[in-house]
Amino acid sequence: MKGYRLLTMDVDGVPTPGVLIGGRVHAVEDLLPGCRQPVIDLLRDWDRTHEVIKSVLPAPLGGAPLADVRLLAPILHPGAIFCAGANYWDHVEEMEGSVDRTRRPRDPWFFVKTSAHSVIEDQATVSRPRGSEALDYEVELGVVIGREARDIPTQDALGVIAGYTIINDLSARDLMSRPDRVPAMAYDWVGQKCFDGAAPLGPWITPAEYVPDCHDLAIRLSVNGTVKQDSTTANLIHDVYEQIAWLSHQLTLRPGDVIATGTPAGVGMPRQDYLQSGDIVLAEISGLGSLTTHIA
C-alpha cells in the first residue's frame, strides 16, 4: 500500500483520528503531537494535513495491527452527501432496457442523503426501515472534498479532492413512491434513502495522490459471496470532475462534503432481488479497500 490512509477509530469509546501505514494504525496525535482534531477538521486544512502526515512517513515504530482496531466511519458527520443518480451507462441500461450512449444527458442529476442519521462504519449492522421489504444495495465511489470550491471548471476539479472512499447507498425501494400525494410530490426521497444506517461509508479515506486515475477503478459488490455488481468507474456517464464542477456551480462545496458518484449495473430492483435478514454485503473498489455491512 503506497502512502497512508486517513481514518477514524474507536479508542475507549472516543472517536479518534488515525492513520493506516503498512498494515498498522497510528493515532494522528502520536505522529503529530497535539493534533486531536476530528477528521473533518483535518480536511478543512487539507493541504497542510496531507503534507505534514507525509513528512513523517515511513511511520515510526508502534501503532496497532489493523485487525485489532475498531474502525468508525472515516468522516462521522460529512457536511453533505450528494448522490448522483443514474450515472453509469450499464445501470441505466438495466433500468431502461436499452440506452443510446450517443445521447448523453447534458448535466448530472443529484439527490441529498442525510449525514449523521445515515452514515455508519465498516462492519456495522443495518435494520431494514420500518415498513420496507425491498432493501437494495448500491456500491459507489465516494469523493471527499478537501478544499472549498465555488464555480470550479472541470479541468480544475481534481485540485479540490482530498481523497476517495467507498459508499453503499442503501435504498428502501418500496418506500420510493407516495401514491397519496399529488404527482409533483410522488417520490419520497427521505423514506427510501435517508433511514438510519442508509449510508455505510469507509473503511478509510485514500488520499487522491495515491489514486492514479479515479476513472479506472474496478468496482464490485457481493452478497453472501455472490457477486451482484461488477464494473469499472470508466462506465460513469458524467465523470468525477464533471460532477464536482456542476455541483460547484449550484453551491459552495466545502471540506468534508462527500459525493457519491453513482452505482453500476447489478442492483436488486430490476430482478426484485432484495437484501434479507442475515445477509452480508461486501463493497469493494480497487485500491480503496472493502466495506462490509450486515443486515439485521
Protein backbone atom coordinates (compact mmCIF):
# COMPACT_ATOMS: atom_id res chain seq x y z
CA MET A 1 0.00 0.00 0.00
CA LYS A 2 1.51 3.30 -1.08
CA GLY A 3 1.45 6.20 1.36
CA TYR A 4 -1.16 6.26 4.10
CA ARG A 5 -4.91 6.13 4.68
CA LEU A 6 -6.80 8.58 6.90
CA LEU A 7 -9.41 7.05 9.22
CA THR A 8 -11.39 7.38 12.42
CA MET A 9 -11.12 4.70 15.10
CA ASP A 10 -12.77 3.93 18.41
CA VAL A 11 -10.35 4.35 21.34
CA ASP A 12 -12.09 3.55 24.62
CA GLY A 13 -15.36 4.87 23.22
CA VAL A 14 -13.83 8.08 21.85
CA PRO A 15 -13.73 8.72 18.06
CA THR A 16 -10.05 9.29 17.33
CA PRO A 17 -8.39 10.27 14.02
CA GLY A 18 -5.85 7.74 12.83
CA VAL A 19 -3.51 6.90 10.01
CA LEU A 20 -3.05 3.46 8.45
CA ILE A 21 0.52 2.84 7.29
CA GLY A 22 1.80 -0.54 6.23
CA GLY A 23 -0.88 -2.53 7.99
CA ARG A 24 -0.58 -0.70 11.33
CA VAL A 25 -2.76 2.07 12.68
CA HIS A 26 -1.31 5.10 14.44
CA ALA A 27 -3.28 7.80 16.23
CA VAL A 28 -2.70 11.08 14.41
CA GLU A 29 -1.65 12.61 17.73
CA ASP A 30 1.17 10.04 18.04
CA LEU A 31 2.59 11.22 14.73
CA LEU A 32 1.73 14.89 15.14
CA PRO A 33 1.84 15.75 18.86
CA GLY A 34 -1.03 17.97 19.93
CA CYS A 35 -3.19 17.16 16.89
CA ARG A 36 -6.51 15.91 18.23
CA GLN A 37 -8.95 17.36 15.72
CA PRO A 38 -11.58 15.10 14.15
CA VAL A 39 -11.04 14.09 10.54
CA ILE A 40 -13.46 16.71 9.23
CA ASP A 41 -11.30 19.44 10.81
CA LEU A 42 -8.17 17.89 9.29
CA LEU A 43 -9.92 18.10 5.92
CA ARG A 44 -10.61 21.80 6.46
CA ASP A 45 -6.84 22.32 6.45
CA TRP A 46 -6.19 19.57 3.95
CA ASP A 47 -3.12 20.95 2.18
CA ARG A 48 -1.25 21.24 5.46
CA THR A 49 -2.66 17.99 6.90
CA HIS A 50 -1.58 15.92 3.90
CA GLU A 51 1.91 17.37 3.69
CA VAL A 52 2.56 17.06 7.43
CA ILE A 53 1.43 13.42 7.57
CA LYS A 54 3.55 12.61 4.50
CA SER A 55 6.53 14.20 6.21
CA VAL A 56 6.54 11.53 8.94
CA LEU A 57 6.49 8.59 6.51
CA PRO A 58 7.60 5.92 6.88
CA ALA A 59 5.89 5.79 10.27
CA PRO A 60 7.88 5.26 13.44
CA LEU A 61 7.66 2.01 15.34
CA GLY A 62 4.47 1.32 17.23
CA GLY A 63 0.86 1.54 16.27
CA ALA A 64 -1.65 -1.29 16.40
CA PRO A 65 -2.34 -4.03 13.86
CA LEU A 66 -5.30 -3.08 11.71
CA ALA A 67 -7.15 -6.23 12.81
CA ASP A 68 -7.06 -5.03 16.42
CA VAL A 69 -8.62 -1.64 15.68
CA ARG A 70 -12.35 -0.89 15.56
CA LEU A 71 -12.90 1.48 12.69
CA LEU A 72 -15.63 4.08 12.63
CA ALA A 73 -16.77 5.88 9.50
CA PRO A 74 -13.77 7.98 8.39
CA ILE A 75 -15.94 11.13 8.45
CA LEU A 76 -18.54 10.76 11.17
CA HIS A 77 -20.65 13.69 10.04
CA PRO A 78 -19.99 14.82 6.45
CA GLY A 79 -21.19 18.33 5.75
CA ALA A 80 -23.37 16.96 2.96
CA ILE A 81 -23.68 13.76 0.95
CA PHE A 82 -24.52 14.48 -2.69
CA CYS A 83 -25.60 11.36 -4.58
CA ALA A 84 -25.51 11.13 -8.36
CA GLY A 85 -28.48 9.25 -9.80
CA ALA A 86 -28.48 7.06 -12.91
CA ASN A 87 -24.83 7.83 -13.66
CA TYR A 88 -23.43 4.53 -15.01
CA TRP A 89 -24.22 3.51 -18.58
CA ASP A 90 -24.65 -0.14 -17.61
CA HIS A 91 -27.00 0.76 -14.74
CA VAL A 92 -29.20 2.89 -16.99
CA GLU A 93 -29.32 0.03 -19.50
CA GLU A 94 -30.52 -2.43 -16.85
CA MET A 95 -33.15 0.02 -15.60
CA GLU A 96 -34.40 1.17 -19.01
CA GLY A 97 -33.77 -1.94 -21.13
CA SER A 98 -31.56 -0.08 -23.59
CA VAL A 99 -29.82 3.27 -23.90
CA ASP A 100 -28.37 5.31 -26.73
CA ARG A 101 -24.87 6.15 -25.50
CA THR A 102 -24.54 8.87 -28.11
CA ARG A 103 -27.28 10.84 -26.34
CA ARG A 104 -25.61 11.69 -23.07
CA PRO A 105 -27.60 13.88 -20.66
CA ARG A 106 -26.22 17.39 -20.57
CA ASP A 107 -25.83 17.56 -16.77
CA PRO A 108 -25.59 15.11 -13.87
CA TRP A 109 -28.55 14.72 -11.50
CA PHE A 110 -28.28 14.59 -7.71
CA PHE A 111 -30.23 13.97 -4.54
CA VAL A 112 -29.00 14.50 -0.97
CA LYS A 113 -28.63 11.90 1.78
CA THR A 114 -28.66 12.72 5.46
CA SER A 115 -25.32 12.70 7.23
CA ALA A 116 -25.37 11.90 10.96
CA HIS A 117 -28.57 9.87 10.56
CA SER A 118 -27.37 7.70 7.69
CA VAL A 119 -23.58 7.28 7.93
CA ILE A 120 -22.35 4.06 9.55
CA GLU A 121 -18.98 2.33 9.59
CA ASP A 122 -17.43 -0.80 8.13
CA GLN A 123 -18.82 -4.00 9.73
CA ALA A 124 -21.91 -2.19 11.06
CA THR A 125 -25.35 -3.79 11.14
CA VAL A 126 -28.36 -2.17 9.43
CA SER A 127 -32.02 -2.88 10.07
CA ARG A 128 -34.49 -2.61 7.24
CA PRO A 129 -36.51 0.58 7.66
CA ARG A 130 -39.97 0.14 9.13
CA GLY A 131 -42.49 -0.95 6.53
CA SER A 132 -39.92 -1.94 3.90
CA GLU A 133 -39.43 -5.38 2.36
CA ALA A 134 -37.29 -4.16 -0.54
CA LEU A 135 -33.92 -3.05 0.82
CA ASP A 136 -31.48 -2.59 -2.06
CA TYR A 137 -27.70 -2.04 -2.32
CA GLU A 138 -25.62 0.33 -4.48
CA VAL A 139 -21.82 0.37 -4.30
CA GLU A 140 -20.42 3.80 -5.18
CA LEU A 141 -17.12 5.63 -5.40
CA GLY A 142 -17.16 8.36 -2.77
CA VAL A 143 -15.26 11.59 -3.43
CA VAL A 144 -14.18 13.53 -0.33
CA ILE A 145 -13.83 17.29 -0.79
CA GLY A 146 -10.72 18.86 0.75
CA ARG A 147 -10.86 22.46 -0.45
CA GLU A 148 -13.69 24.97 -0.66
CA ALA A 149 -14.95 25.12 -4.24
CA ARG A 150 -17.29 27.53 -5.99
CA ASP A 151 -17.67 27.74 -9.78
CA ILE A 152 -14.80 25.33 -10.39
CA PRO A 153 -14.16 24.47 -14.06
CA THR A 154 -13.95 20.79 -14.90
CA GLN A 155 -10.23 20.95 -15.61
CA ASP A 156 -9.54 22.23 -12.07
CA ALA A 157 -11.81 19.83 -10.20
CA LEU A 158 -9.09 17.35 -9.23
CA GLY A 159 -7.49 20.08 -7.15
CA VAL A 160 -10.38 20.19 -4.66
CA ILE A 161 -10.41 16.44 -3.93
CA ALA A 162 -8.85 15.27 -0.67
CA GLY A 163 -9.38 11.61 -1.41
CA TYR A 164 -11.73 8.73 -2.09
CA THR A 165 -13.74 6.23 -0.09
CA ILE A 166 -16.48 3.62 -0.59
CA ILE A 167 -20.20 4.21 -0.06
CA ASN A 168 -23.07 1.73 -0.10
CA ASP A 169 -26.16 3.78 -0.99
CA LEU A 170 -28.82 1.60 0.63
CA SER A 171 -32.33 2.20 -0.67
CA ALA A 172 -35.79 1.14 0.51
CA ARG A 173 -37.31 0.72 -2.94
CA ASP A 174 -40.85 0.08 -1.74
CA LEU A 175 -40.84 3.41 0.12
CA MET A 176 -39.90 5.33 -3.02
CA SER A 177 -43.37 6.36 -4.19
CA ARG A 178 -46.15 8.16 -2.35
CA PRO A 179 -49.35 7.48 -4.30
CA ASP A 180 -51.34 9.54 -1.79
CA ARG A 181 -49.52 12.71 -2.89
CA VAL A 182 -50.02 14.93 -5.93
CA PRO A 183 -47.89 13.79 -8.90
CA ALA A 184 -45.31 16.53 -8.40
CA MET A 185 -44.59 15.17 -4.91
CA ALA A 186 -44.95 11.46 -5.60
CA TYR A 187 -41.39 10.48 -4.70
CA ASP A 188 -40.29 10.10 -1.08
CA TRP A 189 -36.53 10.68 -1.04
CA VAL A 190 -36.37 10.71 2.77
CA GLY A 191 -38.24 7.44 3.22
CA GLN A 192 -36.28 5.49 0.62
CA LYS A 193 -32.81 7.00 1.05
CA CYS A 194 -32.37 8.59 4.49
CA PHE A 195 -33.27 5.98 7.09
CA ASP A 196 -30.88 5.12 9.94
CA GLY A 197 -27.80 3.40 8.53
CA ALA A 198 -28.63 4.15 4.90
CA ALA A 199 -25.06 5.20 4.04
CA PRO A 200 -22.33 2.75 5.06
CA LEU A 201 -19.09 4.66 4.47
CA GLY A 202 -15.43 3.65 4.69
CA PRO A 203 -13.30 1.96 5.64
CA TRP A 204 -10.97 4.99 5.31
CA ILE A 205 -10.05 7.87 3.03
CA THR A 206 -7.38 7.17 0.42
CA PRO A 207 -5.69 10.48 -0.46
CA ALA A 208 -6.10 11.46 -4.10
CA GLU A 209 -2.32 11.45 -4.55
CA TYR A 210 -2.36 7.65 -4.21
CA VAL A 211 -5.11 7.07 -6.81
CA PRO A 212 -3.53 7.47 -10.26
CA ASP A 213 -6.87 7.58 -12.13
CA CYS A 214 -10.24 7.66 -10.37
CA HIS A 215 -11.87 6.80 -13.72
CA ASP A 216 -10.07 3.46 -13.98
CA LEU A 217 -11.12 1.64 -10.80
CA ALA A 218 -12.74 -1.77 -10.55
CA ILE A 219 -15.96 -1.54 -8.51
CA ARG A 220 -17.75 -4.61 -7.15
CA LEU A 221 -20.42 -5.67 -4.66
CA SER A 222 -21.30 -9.15 -3.46
CA VAL A 223 -24.00 -10.52 -1.16
CA ASN A 224 -23.09 -13.62 0.86
CA GLY A 225 -20.19 -14.21 -1.53
CA THR A 226 -22.29 -13.96 -4.72
CA VAL A 227 -21.18 -11.13 -6.99
CA LYS A 228 -24.04 -8.77 -7.83
CA GLN A 229 -22.27 -5.69 -9.23
CA ASP A 230 -19.01 -5.86 -11.19
CA SER A 231 -17.98 -2.87 -13.28
CA THR A 232 -15.47 -0.05 -13.59
CA THR A 233 -15.60 3.68 -12.98
CA ALA A 234 -14.79 4.06 -16.69
CA ASN A 235 -18.55 3.47 -17.17
CA LEU A 236 -19.52 6.72 -15.44
CA ILE A 237 -21.80 8.86 -17.63
CA HIS A 238 -20.64 12.12 -16.02
CA ASP A 239 -17.17 11.69 -14.63
CA VAL A 240 -15.96 12.79 -11.19
CA TYR A 241 -14.63 16.14 -12.40
CA GLU A 242 -17.85 16.99 -14.23
CA GLN A 243 -19.85 16.21 -11.11
CA ILE A 244 -17.70 18.48 -8.96
CA ALA A 245 -17.91 21.30 -11.50
CA TRP A 246 -21.70 21.03 -11.80
CA LEU A 247 -22.25 20.98 -8.03
CA SER A 248 -19.87 23.89 -7.50
CA HIS A 249 -21.94 25.98 -9.91
CA GLN A 250 -25.02 25.37 -7.76
CA LEU A 251 -23.46 25.86 -4.31
CA THR A 252 -20.16 26.07 -2.46
CA LEU A 253 -18.61 22.68 -1.87
CA ARG A 254 -16.88 22.56 1.49
CA PRO A 255 -14.18 20.35 3.02
CA GLY A 256 -15.81 17.22 4.43
CA ASP A 257 -18.56 17.11 1.83
CA VAL A 258 -18.87 13.74 0.09
CA ILE A 259 -20.07 12.99 -3.43
CA ALA A 260 -21.43 9.50 -4.12
CA THR A 261 -20.77 9.30 -7.84
CA GLY A 262 -23.33 6.70 -8.95
CA THR A 263 -23.71 2.92 -9.00
CA PRO A 264 -23.15 0.37 -11.79
CA ALA A 265 -25.47 -2.38 -13.03
CA GLY A 266 -26.48 -5.26 -10.79
CA VAL A 267 -28.72 -3.62 -8.19
CA GLY A 268 -31.59 -5.68 -6.84
CA MET A 269 -34.59 -3.71 -8.10
CA PRO A 270 -34.72 -4.92 -11.75
CA ARG A 271 -34.77 -8.55 -10.55
CA GLN A 272 -36.66 -7.96 -7.28
CA ASP A 273 -33.59 -9.45 -5.57
CA TYR A 274 -33.50 -7.62 -2.28
CA LEU A 275 -31.45 -7.92 0.89
CA GLN A 276 -32.68 -10.31 3.56
CA SER A 277 -32.06 -10.67 7.28
CA GLY A 278 -28.62 -12.16 7.92
CA ASP A 279 -27.14 -11.08 4.58
CA ILE A 280 -23.54 -9.88 4.45
CA VAL A 281 -22.85 -7.20 1.86
CA LEU A 282 -19.28 -6.63 0.68
CA ALA A 283 -18.50 -3.50 -1.37
CA GLU A 284 -15.03 -3.20 -2.94
CA ILE A 285 -13.19 -0.64 -5.07
CA SER A 286 -9.66 -1.33 -6.29
CA GLY A 287 -7.06 0.45 -4.19
CA LEU A 288 -9.62 1.76 -1.70
CA GLY A 289 -10.26 -1.33 0.42
CA SER A 290 -13.57 -3.00 1.21
CA LEU A 291 -16.71 -2.12 3.15
CA THR A 292 -18.82 -4.79 4.84
CA THR A 293 -22.40 -4.30 6.00
CA HIS A 294 -24.53 -6.81 7.93
CA ILE A 295 -28.31 -6.87 7.51
CA ALA A 296 -30.10 -7.39 10.84
